[in-house]
């Protein structure tokens, strides 16, 4: 599953994949695979991203169009 919202949020906040990967304490290539849907995103990562961007988990996963 491709999670467009995590890419869109990153770009809207003028962040690089490397910056977000550093925040998550993962490799940039791993983060890239998350955005492309090549590997599953652990729930812990979703929670950290939701906290970082101050959005709902449902928004990150595409289940809702409401950020908050």
C-alpha atoms as a PDB file:
ATOM      1  CA  UNK A   1       0.000   0.000   0.000  1.00  0.00           C
ATOM      2  CA  UNK A   2       1.349   3.411  -0.966  1.00  0.00           C
ATOM      3  CA  UNK A   3       0.977   6.054   1.729  1.00  0.00           C
ATOM      4  CA  UNK A   4       0.854   9.281  -0.251  1.00  0.00           C
ATOM      5  CA  UNK A   5       0.025  11.315   2.830  1.00  0.00           C
ATOM      6  CA  UNK A   6       3.362  10.677   4.500  1.00  0.00           C
ATOM      7  CA  UNK A   7       5.144  11.894   1.382  1.00  0.00           C
ATOM      8  CA  UNK A   8       2.825  14.880   1.005  1.00  0.00           C
ATOM      9  CA  UNK A   9       3.287  15.899   4.637  1.00  0.00           C
ATOM     10  CA  UNK A  10       7.044  15.628   4.328  1.00  0.00           C
ATOM     11  CA  UNK A  11       7.098  17.748   1.188  1.00  0.00           C
ATOM     12  CA  UNK A  12       4.600  20.281   2.591  1.00  0.00           C
ATOM     13  CA  UNK A  13       6.908  20.735   5.569  1.00  0.00           C
ATOM     14  CA  UNK A  14       9.991  21.111   3.353  1.00  0.00           C
ATOM     15  CA  UNK A  15      11.658  18.064   4.881  1.00  0.00           C
ATOM     16  CA  UNK A  16      13.911  15.589   3.135  1.00  0.00           C
ATOM     17  CA  UNK A  17      13.612  11.856   3.419  1.00  0.00           C
ATOM     18  CA  UNK A  18      16.931  11.918   5.268  1.00  0.00           C
ATOM     19  CA  UNK A  19      15.624  14.370   7.876  1.00  0.00           C
ATOM     20  CA  UNK A  20      12.588  12.226   8.598  1.00  0.00           C
ATOM     21  CA  UNK A  21      14.659   9.053   8.594  1.00  0.00           C
ATOM     22  CA  UNK A  22      17.010  10.647  11.130  1.00  0.00           C
ATOM     23  CA  UNK A  23      14.027  11.587  13.327  1.00  0.00           C
ATOM     24  CA  UNK A  24      12.773   7.990  13.121  1.00  0.00           C
ATOM     25  CA  UNK A  25      16.278   6.611  13.639  1.00  0.00           C
ATOM     26  CA  UNK A  26      16.143   4.554  10.442  1.00  0.00           C
ATOM     27  CA  UNK A  27      17.994   4.567   7.130  1.00  0.00           C
ATOM     28  CA  UNK A  28      16.837   6.901   4.369  1.00  0.00           C
ATOM     29  CA  UNK A  29      16.378   3.921   2.057  1.00  0.00           C
ATOM     30  CA  UNK A  30      13.994   2.337   4.562  1.00  0.00           C
ATOM     31  CA  UNK A  31      11.964   5.527   4.776  1.00  0.00           C
ATOM     32  CA  UNK A  32      11.845   5.726   0.977  1.00  0.00           C
ATOM     33  CA  UNK A  33      10.442   2.190   0.874  1.00  0.00           C
ATOM     34  CA  UNK A  34       7.738   3.256   3.354  1.00  0.00           C
ATOM     35  CA  UNK A  35       6.672   6.097   1.065  1.00  0.00           C
ATOM     36  CA  UNK A  36       6.644   3.814  -1.966  1.00  0.00           C
ATOM     37  CA  UNK A  37       4.720   1.078  -0.185  1.00  0.00           C
ATOM     38  CA  UNK A  38       7.486  -1.454  -0.757  1.00  0.00           C
ATOM     39  CA  UNK A  39       7.597  -2.432   2.934  1.00  0.00           C
ATOM     40  CA  UNK A  40       5.046  -2.214   5.719  1.00  0.00           C
ATOM     41  CA  UNK A  41       5.284   0.658   8.143  1.00  0.00           C
ATOM     42  CA  UNK A  42       5.386  -0.465  11.789  1.00  0.00           C
ATOM     43  CA  UNK A  43       2.694   1.066  13.992  1.00  0.00           C
ATOM     44  CA  UNK A  44       5.397   2.673  16.143  1.00  0.00           C
ATOM     45  CA  UNK A  45       6.594   4.603  13.096  1.00  0.00           C
ATOM     46  CA  UNK A  46       3.050   5.711  12.271  1.00  0.00           C
ATOM     47  CA  UNK A  47       2.643   6.995  15.823  1.00  0.00           C
ATOM     48  CA  UNK A  48       5.921   8.912  15.688  1.00  0.00           C
ATOM     49  CA  UNK A  49       4.981  10.453  12.338  1.00  0.00           C
ATOM     50  CA  UNK A  50       1.521  11.427  13.596  1.00  0.00           C
ATOM     51  CA  UNK A  51       3.130  13.102  16.609  1.00  0.00           C
ATOM     52  CA  UNK A  52       5.769  14.796  14.463  1.00  0.00           C
ATOM     53  CA  UNK A  53       3.241  16.256  12.017  1.00  0.00           C
ATOM     54  CA  UNK A  54       0.480  16.648  14.633  1.00  0.00           C
ATOM     55  CA  UNK A  55      -2.072  14.701  12.567  1.00  0.00           C
ATOM     56  CA  UNK A  56      -4.426  11.765  13.083  1.00  0.00           C
ATOM     57  CA  UNK A  57      -3.213   8.244  12.339  1.00  0.00           C
ATOM     58  CA  UNK A  58      -6.238   7.804  10.065  1.00  0.00           C
ATOM     59  CA  UNK A  59      -5.006  10.712   7.965  1.00  0.00           C
ATOM     60  CA  UNK A  60      -1.558   9.153   7.587  1.00  0.00           C
ATOM     61  CA  UNK A  61      -3.035   5.873   6.421  1.00  0.00           C
ATOM     62  CA  UNK A  62      -5.483   7.506   4.030  1.00  0.00           C
ATOM     63  CA  UNK A  63      -8.565   6.467   5.997  1.00  0.00           C
ATOM     64  CA  UNK A  64      -9.559  10.076   6.568  1.00  0.00           C
ATOM     65  CA  UNK A  65      -9.084  13.372   4.786  1.00  0.00           C
ATOM     66  CA  UNK A  66      -9.098  15.227   8.118  1.00  0.00           C
ATOM     67  CA  UNK A  67      -5.624  15.964   9.424  1.00  0.00           C
ATOM     68  CA  UNK A  68      -6.850  16.766  12.937  1.00  0.00           C
END
